[in-house]
C-alpha atoms as a PDB file:
ATOM      1  CA  MET A   1       0.030   0.024   0.104  1.00  0.00           C
ATOM      2  CA  ALA A   2       1.439   3.251  -1.180  1.00  0.00           C
ATOM      3  CA  ARG A   3       2.005   5.550   1.897  1.00  0.00           C
ATOM      4  CA  GLU A   4       0.262   8.212   2.708  1.00  0.00           C
ATOM      5  CA  VAL A   5       1.951  11.794   2.065  1.00  0.00           C
ATOM      6  CA  SER A   6       1.139  13.753   5.552  1.00  0.00           C
ATOM      7  CA  ALA A   7       1.553  16.811   6.188  1.00  0.00           C
ATOM      8  CA  LYS A   8       5.238  17.109   6.805  1.00  0.00           C
ATOM      9  CA  ASP A   9       5.754  16.083   3.229  1.00  0.00           C
ATOM     10  CA  ASP A  10       3.720  18.733   1.686  1.00  0.00           C
ATOM     11  CA  HIS A  11       5.510  20.564   3.059  1.00  0.00           C
ATOM     12  CA  ASP A  12       9.113  19.383   1.668  1.00  0.00           C
ATOM     13  CA  PRO A  13       9.716  20.296  -1.836  1.00  0.00           C
ATOM     14  CA  ALA A  14      10.995  17.237  -2.873  1.00  0.00           C
ATOM     15  CA  SER A  15       8.579  15.332  -1.700  1.00  0.00           C
ATOM     16  CA  VAL A  16       5.545  16.471  -3.427  1.00  0.00           C
ATOM     17  CA  PRO A  17       5.794  15.667  -7.172  1.00  0.00           C
ATOM     18  CA  ILE A  18       3.764  17.768  -9.522  1.00  0.00           C
ATOM     19  CA  PHE A  19       1.484  14.332 -10.825  1.00  0.00           C
ATOM     20  CA  HIS A  20       0.813  12.546  -7.303  1.00  0.00           C
ATOM     21  CA  VAL A  21      -1.305  10.914  -8.744  1.00  0.00           C
ATOM     22  CA  VAL A  22      -1.759   8.141  -5.632  1.00  0.00           C
ATOM     23  CA  GLU A  23      -2.853  11.236  -3.497  1.00  0.00           C
ATOM     24  CA  LEU A  24      -6.509   9.761  -5.277  1.00  0.00           C
ATOM     25  CA  SER A  25      -6.763   6.973  -3.339  1.00  0.00           C
ATOM     26  CA  GLN A  26      -6.343   8.327  -0.090  1.00  0.00           C
ATOM     27  CA  TRP A  27      -9.243   9.796   2.309  1.00  0.00           C
ATOM     28  CA  SER A  28      -7.133  12.328   3.310  1.00  0.00           C
ATOM     29  CA  PHE A  29      -6.664  13.714   0.010  1.00  0.00           C
ATOM     30  CA  TYR A  30     -10.806  14.376  -0.977  1.00  0.00           C
ATOM     31  CA  ARG A  31     -11.543  15.315   3.026  1.00  0.00           C
ATOM     32  CA  ALA A  32      -9.294  18.319   2.611  1.00  0.00           C
ATOM     33  CA  LEU A  33     -11.391  18.789  -1.035  1.00  0.00           C
ATOM     34  CA  ILE A  34     -14.544  18.910   1.593  1.00  0.00           C
ATOM     35  CA  ALA A  35     -12.589  21.136   4.319  1.00  0.00           C
ATOM     36  CA  GLU A  36     -11.541  23.738   1.331  1.00  0.00           C
ATOM     37  CA  PHE A  37     -15.642  23.289  -0.246  1.00  0.00           C
ATOM     38  CA  ILE A  38     -17.379  24.170   2.779  1.00  0.00           C
ATOM     39  CA  ALA A  39     -14.661  26.852   4.297  1.00  0.00           C
ATOM     40  CA  THR A  40     -15.106  28.580   1.002  1.00  0.00           C
ATOM     41  CA  LEU A  41     -18.966  28.598   0.975  1.00  0.00           C
ATOM     42  CA  LEU A  42     -18.878  29.622   4.619  1.00  0.00           C
ATOM     43  CA  PHE A  43     -16.107  32.663   3.504  1.00  0.00           C
ATOM     44  CA  LEU A  44     -18.970  33.961   0.959  1.00  0.00           C
ATOM     45  CA  TYR A  45     -21.892  33.256   3.318  1.00  0.00           C
ATOM     46  CA  VAL A  46     -21.121  35.655   6.397  1.00  0.00           C
ATOM     47  CA  THR A  47     -18.450  38.027   3.737  1.00  0.00           C
ATOM     48  CA  VAL A  48     -21.402  38.644   0.561  1.00  0.00           C
ATOM     49  CA  LEU A  49     -24.123  38.912   3.467  1.00  0.00           C
ATOM     50  CA  THR A  50     -21.634  41.678   5.346  1.00  0.00           C
ATOM     51  CA  VAL A  51     -21.050  43.378   2.100  1.00  0.00           C
ATOM     52  CA  ILE A  52     -25.033  43.846   1.229  1.00  0.00           C
ATOM     53  CA  GLY A  53     -25.473  44.620   4.325  1.00  0.00           C
ATOM     54  CA  TYR A  54     -22.762  47.617   4.577  1.00  0.00           C
ATOM     55  CA  LYS A  55     -24.073  48.898   0.872  1.00  0.00           C
ATOM     56  CA  SER A  56     -27.607  49.065   2.118  1.00  0.00           C
ATOM     57  CA  HIS A  57     -27.312  51.006   5.027  1.00  0.00           C
ATOM     58  CA  VAL A  58     -24.919  52.869   3.059  1.00  0.00           C
ATOM     59  CA  SER A  59     -27.013  55.867   3.262  1.00  0.00           C
ATOM     60  CA  ASP A  60     -27.420  55.654   6.825  1.00  0.00           C
ATOM     61  CA  ALA A  61     -24.106  57.757   8.504  1.00  0.00           C
ATOM     62  CA  CYS A  62     -25.431  56.536  11.298  1.00  0.00           C
ATOM     63  CA  GLY A  63     -26.121  52.638  10.652  1.00  0.00           C
ATOM     64  CA  GLY A  64     -24.860  49.664   8.940  1.00  0.00           C
ATOM     65  CA  LEU A  65     -21.129  49.426   8.668  1.00  0.00           C
ATOM     66  CA  ASP A  66     -18.080  50.457   6.975  1.00  0.00           C
ATOM     67  CA  HIS A  67     -15.102  49.934   5.511  1.00  0.00           C
ATOM     68  CA  LEU A  68     -13.473  49.037   8.620  1.00  0.00           C
ATOM     69  CA  GLY A  69     -16.277  46.397   8.657  1.00  0.00           C
ATOM     70  CA  ILE A  70     -16.070  44.574   6.171  1.00  0.00           C
ATOM     71  CA  ALA A  71     -12.105  44.595   5.775  1.00  0.00           C
ATOM     72  CA  TRP A  72     -12.901  42.965   9.671  1.00  0.00           C
ATOM     73  CA  ALA A  73     -15.330  40.240   8.834  1.00  0.00           C
ATOM     74  CA  PHE A  74     -13.057  39.323   5.501  1.00  0.00           C
ATOM     75  CA  GLY A  75     -10.112  38.910   6.932  1.00  0.00           C
ATOM     76  CA  GLY A  76     -11.960  37.535  10.874  1.00  0.00           C
ATOM     77  CA  MET A  77     -13.426  35.064   8.931  1.00  0.00           C
ATOM     78  CA  ILE A  78     -10.100  33.750   7.114  1.00  0.00           C
ATOM     79  CA  PHE A  79      -8.038  34.263  11.267  1.00  0.00           C
ATOM     80  CA  ILE A  80     -11.572  31.922  11.762  1.00  0.00           C
ATOM     81  CA  LEU A  81     -11.556  29.110   8.569  1.00  0.00           C
ATOM     82  CA  ALA A  82      -7.438  28.720   8.006  1.00  0.00           C
ATOM     83  CA  TYR A  83      -7.287  27.996  11.964  1.00  0.00           C
ATOM     84  CA  CYS A  84     -10.262  25.660  11.503  1.00  0.00           C
ATOM     85  CA  ILE A  85      -9.038  23.422   8.573  1.00  0.00           C
ATOM     86  CA  ALA A  86      -4.797  23.817   8.337  1.00  0.00           C
ATOM     87  CA  ASP A  87      -4.369  20.515   9.582  1.00  0.00           C
ATOM     88  CA  ILE A  88      -6.624  18.935   6.871  1.00  0.00           C
ATOM     89  CA  SER A  89      -5.846  21.556   3.958  1.00  0.00           C
ATOM     90  CA  TYR A  90      -3.617  23.569   5.128  1.00  0.00           C
ATOM     91  CA  GLY A  91      -6.392  26.357   5.015  1.00  0.00           C
ATOM     92  CA  HIS A  92      -6.144  27.733   1.277  1.00  0.00           C
ATOM     93  CA  ILE A  93      -9.748  28.516   0.301  1.00  0.00           C
ATOM     94  CA  ASN A  94      -8.321  31.022  -2.226  1.00  0.00           C
ATOM     95  CA  PRO A  95      -7.282  29.786  -6.024  1.00  0.00           C
ATOM     96  CA  ALA A  96      -4.671  32.276  -5.590  1.00  0.00           C
ATOM     97  CA  VAL A  97      -3.028  30.849  -2.703  1.00  0.00           C
ATOM     98  CA  THR A  98      -3.522  27.745  -3.425  1.00  0.00           C
ATOM     99  CA  PHE A  99      -0.991  28.297  -7.065  1.00  0.00           C
ATOM    100  CA  GLY A 100       1.153  30.020  -5.406  1.00  0.00           C
ATOM    101  CA  CYS A 101       2.077  26.447  -3.420  1.00  0.00           C
ATOM    102  CA  LEU A 102       2.141  25.294  -6.513  1.00  0.00           C
ATOM    103  CA  LEU A 103       5.285  27.432  -8.008  1.00  0.00           C
ATOM    104  CA  ALA A 104       6.404  26.781  -4.885  1.00  0.00           C
ATOM    105  CA  ARG A 105       6.565  23.047  -5.226  1.00  0.00           C
ATOM    106  CA  GLN A 106       4.034  22.838  -1.956  1.00  0.00           C
ATOM    107  CA  VAL A 107       0.844  20.901  -3.109  1.00  0.00           C
ATOM    108  CA  SER A 108       0.987  19.142  -6.432  1.00  0.00           C
ATOM    109  CA  LEU A 109      -0.843  19.749  -9.858  1.00  0.00           C
ATOM    110  CA  ILE A 110      -3.297  17.382  -9.091  1.00  0.00           C
ATOM    111  CA  ARG A 111      -4.315  18.823  -5.625  1.00  0.00           C
ATOM    112  CA  ALA A 112      -4.326  22.450  -7.096  1.00  0.00           C
ATOM    113  CA  VAL A 113      -6.655  21.522  -9.780  1.00  0.00           C
ATOM    114  CA  MET A 114      -8.725  19.598  -7.662  1.00  0.00           C
ATOM    115  CA  TYR A 115      -8.441  22.745  -4.743  1.00  0.00           C
ATOM    116  CA  MET A 116      -9.129  25.911  -6.321  1.00  0.00           C
ATOM    117  CA  VAL A 117     -12.747  23.296  -8.460  1.00  0.00           C
ATOM    118  CA  ALA A 118     -13.558  22.598  -4.382  1.00  0.00           C
ATOM    119  CA  GLN A 119     -12.861  26.303  -3.765  1.00  0.00           C
ATOM    120  CA  CYS A 120     -15.295  27.785  -6.544  1.00  0.00           C
ATOM    121  CA  LEU A 121     -18.491  25.625  -6.218  1.00  0.00           C
ATOM    122  CA  GLY A 122     -18.074  26.329  -2.527  1.00  0.00           C
ATOM    123  CA  ALA A 123     -18.044  29.726  -3.253  1.00  0.00           C
ATOM    124  CA  ILE A 124     -20.943  29.538  -5.498  1.00  0.00           C
ATOM    125  CA  SER A 125     -23.072  27.896  -3.495  1.00  0.00           C
ATOM    126  CA  GLY A 126     -21.879  30.621  -0.535  1.00  0.00           C
ATOM    127  CA  ALA A 127     -23.012  33.433  -2.343  1.00  0.00           C
ATOM    128  CA  GLY A 128     -25.814  30.848  -3.738  1.00  0.00           C
ATOM    129  CA  ILE A 129     -27.547  30.478  -0.049  1.00  0.00           C
ATOM    130  CA  VAL A 130     -27.393  34.773  -0.165  1.00  0.00           C
ATOM    131  CA  LYS A 131     -29.358  34.984  -2.736  1.00  0.00           C
ATOM    132  CA  ALA A 132     -31.980  32.258  -1.717  1.00  0.00           C
ATOM    133  CA  LEU A 133     -31.994  33.593   2.048  1.00  0.00           C
ATOM    134  CA  GLN A 134     -32.329  37.195   1.523  1.00  0.00           C
ATOM    135  CA  LYS A 135     -33.279  37.592  -2.801  1.00  0.00           C
ATOM    136  CA  GLY A 136     -34.653  41.249  -2.382  1.00  0.00           C
ATOM    137  CA  TYR A 137     -31.536  42.257  -0.724  1.00  0.00           C
ATOM    138  CA  TYR A 138     -28.930  40.914  -2.923  1.00  0.00           C
ATOM    139  CA  GLU A 139     -30.222  41.932  -5.614  1.00  0.00           C
ATOM    140  CA  ARG A 140     -30.529  45.943  -5.255  1.00  0.00           C
ATOM    141  CA  ASN A 141     -27.439  45.459  -3.760  1.00  0.00           C
ATOM    142  CA  GLY A 142     -25.260  44.601  -6.517  1.00  0.00           C
ATOM    143  CA  GLY A 143     -24.382  40.530  -4.785  1.00  0.00           C
ATOM    144  CA  GLY A 144     -20.992  41.513  -3.120  1.00  0.00           C
ATOM    145  CA  ALA A 145     -19.499  41.081  -7.092  1.00  0.00           C
ATOM    146  CA  ASN A 146     -16.513  42.779  -7.365  1.00  0.00           C
ATOM    147  CA  MET A 147     -16.214  45.167  -9.841  1.00  0.00           C
ATOM    148  CA  VAL A 148     -13.665  47.822 -10.502  1.00  0.00           C
ATOM    149  CA  SER A 149     -15.587  51.434  -8.912  1.00  0.00           C
ATOM    150  CA  HIS A 150     -16.052  54.226 -10.638  1.00  0.00           C
ATOM    151  CA  GLY A 151     -12.911  56.750 -10.812  1.00  0.00           C
ATOM    152  CA  TYR A 152     -10.423  53.796 -11.808  1.00  0.00           C
ATOM    153  CA  SER A 153      -8.604  52.853 -14.484  1.00  0.00           C
ATOM    154  CA  LYS A 154      -8.732  48.699 -15.576  1.00  0.00           C
ATOM    155  CA  GLY A 155      -5.059  49.780 -15.032  1.00  0.00           C
ATOM    156  CA  ALA A 156      -5.523  50.481 -11.904  1.00  0.00           C
ATOM    157  CA  GLY A 157      -8.102  47.533 -10.474  1.00  0.00           C
ATOM    158  CA  LEU A 158      -5.221  45.430 -11.706  1.00  0.00           C
ATOM    159  CA  GLY A 159      -2.457  46.892  -9.672  1.00  0.00           C
ATOM    160  CA  ALA A 160      -4.141  46.986  -7.167  1.00  0.00           C
ATOM    161  CA  GLU A 161      -5.270  43.234  -7.067  1.00  0.00           C
ATOM    162  CA  ILE A 162      -1.574  42.060  -7.848  1.00  0.00           C
ATOM    163  CA  ILE A 163      -0.180  44.044  -5.278  1.00  0.00           C
ATOM    164  CA  GLY A 164      -2.497  43.030  -2.730  1.00  0.00           C
ATOM    165  CA  THR A 165      -2.280  39.197  -3.649  1.00  0.00           C
ATOM    166  CA  PHE A 166       1.446  39.308  -3.286  1.00  0.00           C
ATOM    167  CA  VAL A 167       0.743  41.033   0.370  1.00  0.00           C
ATOM    168  CA  LEU A 168      -1.148  37.709   0.983  1.00  0.00           C
ATOM    169  CA  VAL A 169       0.831  35.355  -0.368  1.00  0.00           C
ATOM    170  CA  TYR A 170       3.911  36.581   1.048  1.00  0.00           C
ATOM    171  CA  THR A 171       2.759  36.850   3.952  1.00  0.00           C
ATOM    172  CA  VAL A 172       1.333  32.955   3.890  1.00  0.00           C
ATOM    173  CA  PHE A 173       4.516  31.701   2.656  1.00  0.00           C
ATOM    174  CA  SER A 174       6.627  33.660   5.535  1.00  0.00           C
ATOM    175  CA  ALA A 175       3.530  32.576   8.727  1.00  0.00           C
ATOM    176  CA  THR A 176       3.980  28.733   7.785  1.00  0.00           C
ATOM    177  CA  ASP A 177       7.805  28.851   6.985  1.00  0.00           C
ATOM    178  CA  PRO A 178       8.859  25.923   8.482  1.00  0.00           C
ATOM    179  CA  LYS A 179      12.315  26.540   9.659  1.00  0.00           C
ATOM    180  CA  ARG A 180      10.157  29.255  11.770  1.00  0.00           C
ATOM    181  CA  LYS A 181       7.801  26.920  12.581  1.00  0.00           C
ATOM    182  CA  ALA A 182      11.094  24.802  13.908  1.00  0.00           C
ATOM    183  CA  LYS A 183      12.298  28.062  15.984  1.00  0.00           C
ATOM    184  CA  ASP A 184       9.675  28.614  17.802  1.00  0.00           C
ATOM    185  CA  SER A 185       6.938  26.617  19.055  1.00  0.00           C
ATOM    186  CA  ILE A 186       3.433  28.713  18.958  1.00  0.00           C
ATOM    187  CA  ALA A 187       4.323  30.702  15.025  1.00  0.00           C
ATOM    188  CA  ALA A 188       2.258  27.365  13.965  1.00  0.00           C
ATOM    189  CA  VAL A 189      -0.375  28.101  16.106  1.00  0.00           C
ATOM    190  CA  LEU A 190      -0.842  32.341  15.140  1.00  0.00           C
ATOM    191  CA  ALA A 191       0.095  31.852  11.553  1.00  0.00           C
ATOM    192  CA  PRO A 192      -3.915  31.843  11.010  1.00  0.00           C
ATOM    193  CA  LEU A 193      -4.178  35.100  12.995  1.00  0.00           C
ATOM    194  CA  PHE A 194      -1.290  36.129  10.613  1.00  0.00           C
ATOM    195  CA  ILE A 195      -2.613  35.272   7.079  1.00  0.00           C
ATOM    196  CA  GLY A 196      -6.195  36.658   8.692  1.00  0.00           C
ATOM    197  CA  PHE A 197      -4.575  40.141   9.463  1.00  0.00           C
ATOM    198  CA  ALA A 198      -2.781  40.594   5.619  1.00  0.00           C
ATOM    199  CA  VAL A 199      -6.164  39.971   4.375  1.00  0.00           C
ATOM    200  CA  PHE A 200      -7.609  43.067   6.485  1.00  0.00           C
ATOM    201  CA  MET A 201      -5.041  45.768   6.181  1.00  0.00           C
ATOM    202  CA  VAL A 202      -5.498  44.695   2.218  1.00  0.00           C
ATOM    203  CA  HIS A 203      -9.034  44.850   2.407  1.00  0.00           C
ATOM    204  CA  LEU A 204      -9.004  48.889   3.991  1.00  0.00           C
ATOM    205  CA  ALA A 205      -6.009  49.521   1.005  1.00  0.00           C
ATOM    206  CA  THR A 206      -8.046  48.513  -1.544  1.00  0.00           C
ATOM    207  CA  ILE A 207     -12.362  48.382  -1.150  1.00  0.00           C
ATOM    208  CA  PRO A 208     -12.186  51.751  -3.076  1.00  0.00           C
ATOM    209  CA  ILE A 209     -10.946  50.275  -6.046  1.00  0.00           C
ATOM    210  CA  THR A 210     -12.322  46.910  -6.708  1.00  0.00           C
ATOM    211  CA  GLY A 211     -14.478  45.924  -3.631  1.00  0.00           C
ATOM    212  CA  THR A 212     -11.193  43.851  -3.138  1.00  0.00           C
ATOM    213  CA  GLY A 213     -10.968  40.256  -4.872  1.00  0.00           C
ATOM    214  CA  ILE A 214      -7.181  39.000  -4.322  1.00  0.00           C
ATOM    215  CA  ASN A 215      -9.437  35.461  -4.365  1.00  0.00           C
ATOM    216  CA  PRO A 216     -10.957  34.347  -7.177  1.00  0.00           C
ATOM    217  CA  ALA A 217     -12.944  32.221  -5.688  1.00  0.00           C
ATOM    218  CA  ARG A 218     -14.530  34.572  -4.113  1.00  0.00           C
ATOM    219  CA  SER A 219     -14.786  36.807  -7.089  1.00  0.00           C
ATOM    220  CA  PHE A 220     -16.470  34.121  -9.311  1.00  0.00           C
ATOM    221  CA  GLY A 221     -18.780  32.717  -7.040  1.00  0.00           C
ATOM    222  CA  ALA A 222     -20.838  35.978  -6.650  1.00  0.00           C
ATOM    223  CA  ALA A 223     -20.104  36.992 -10.277  1.00  0.00           C
ATOM    224  CA  VAL A 224     -21.999  33.527 -11.027  1.00  0.00           C
ATOM    225  CA  ILE A 225     -24.514  34.235  -9.005  1.00  0.00           C
ATOM    226  CA  TYR A 226     -25.472  38.041  -9.084  1.00  0.00           C
ATOM    227  CA  ASN A 227     -24.682  37.303 -13.016  1.00  0.00           C
ATOM    228  CA  LYS A 228     -25.260  40.144 -14.343  1.00  0.00           C
ATOM    229  CA  ALA A 229     -23.523  42.098 -17.240  1.00  0.00           C
ATOM    230  CA  GLU A 230     -21.337  44.585 -14.947  1.00  0.00           C
ATOM    231  CA  ALA A 231     -19.945  41.220 -12.874  1.00  0.00           C
ATOM    232  CA  TRP A 232     -17.936  40.267 -15.931  1.00  0.00           C
ATOM    233  CA  ASP A 233     -17.174  43.159 -17.868  1.00  0.00           C
ATOM    234  CA  ASP A 234     -14.260  43.658 -15.281  1.00  0.00           C
ATOM    235  CA  HIS A 235     -13.736  40.067 -13.577  1.00  0.00           C
ATOM    236  CA  TRP A 236     -10.598  39.126 -15.416  1.00  0.00           C
ATOM    237  CA  ILE A 237      -8.926  41.707 -13.147  1.00  0.00           C
ATOM    238  CA  PHE A 238      -9.764  39.203 -10.749  1.00  0.00           C
ATOM    239  CA  TRP A 239      -8.155  36.134 -11.901  1.00  0.00           C
ATOM    240  CA  VAL A 240      -5.017  37.602 -13.566  1.00  0.00           C
ATOM    241  CA  GLY A 241      -4.182  40.248 -11.034  1.00  0.00           C
ATOM    242  CA  PRO A 242      -4.116  37.671  -7.877  1.00  0.00           C
ATOM    243  CA  PHE A 243      -2.069  35.020  -9.725  1.00  0.00           C
ATOM    244  CA  ILE A 244       0.649  37.187 -10.877  1.00  0.00           C
ATOM    245  CA  GLY A 245       0.488  38.124  -7.501  1.00  0.00           C
ATOM    246  CA  ALA A 246       0.466  34.966  -6.515  1.00  0.00           C
ATOM    247  CA  THR A 247       3.377  33.878  -9.125  1.00  0.00           C
ATOM    248  CA  ILE A 248       5.312  36.757  -7.736  1.00  0.00           C
ATOM    249  CA  ALA A 249       5.241  35.902  -4.427  1.00  0.00           C
ATOM    250  CA  ALA A 250       5.828  32.532  -4.661  1.00  0.00           C
ATOM    251  CA  LEU A 251       9.410  33.479  -6.219  1.00  0.00           C
ATOM    252  CA  TYR A 252      10.613  36.569  -4.021  1.00  0.00           C
ATOM    253  CA  HIS A 253      10.013  33.800  -1.196  1.00  0.00           C
ATOM    254  CA  GLN A 254      12.171  30.621  -2.766  1.00  0.00           C
ATOM    255  CA  PHE A 255      14.108  32.413  -4.411  1.00  0.00           C
ATOM    256  CA  VAL A 256      15.432  35.871  -2.551  1.00  0.00           C
ATOM    257  CA  MET A 257      13.865  34.691   1.219  1.00  0.00           C
ATOM    258  CA  SER A 258      14.600  31.487   1.267  1.00  0.00           C
ATOM    259  CA  ALA A 259      17.548  29.969   3.406  1.00  0.00           C
ATOM    260  CA  GLY A 260      16.636  27.045   0.906  1.00  0.00           C
ATOM    261  CA  ALA A 261      17.202  27.888  -2.591  1.00  0.00           C
ATOM    262  CA  ALA A 262      20.585  29.548  -2.708  1.00  0.00           C
END
């Protein structure tokens, strides 16, 4: 019987081949897919509700949320969910994070593709639940879909997504670096907090520009369920930007910040 890949092995580049077909026969692989699906579903449910709640009260100066509240919702959910499933799937909850880990040889191509599928399906399901429960608010307030805001160019939106995703994925690599965990046992426990805080900070900076994507599954799920022209006009930005940002972060971590690269 083939040896099952452990958590330690998955973070050892030498132990994760690009095509690791043996994973398809392991329950831990499918358990990780379920974890990513459910986590992304919950992430979209809470965050889309937060966004439409903010927009429904945006004209009320004394009520509702502001950008700070939205940023807390996104960062807080990533902190909670990453902590919950870190030991099962490493808590990616984001195709850009998964793509960065693929480039860093921390996951196989098979796992990366299946994670992305699970994340997108979870995002569609989460946004769909919001629409089913609060269709009126959902339709009137944009469905939580990402769009480049009026007054900003497509280039500005793309740049915001690239830099924002770089911050997130670089934080993921730094917070989960095995060398850091070897020096400080509490680092692994705090990693979800640092990652969630990175999401929070990026949202504070980029909500006015794009509503903050930095997660293609989040943008895709909201666009699919809202399904209006304005949600699709600039949708490519919310895939291209995060994947470029993740690529830069993976290369920077592997060949500049990682002592092993030398």
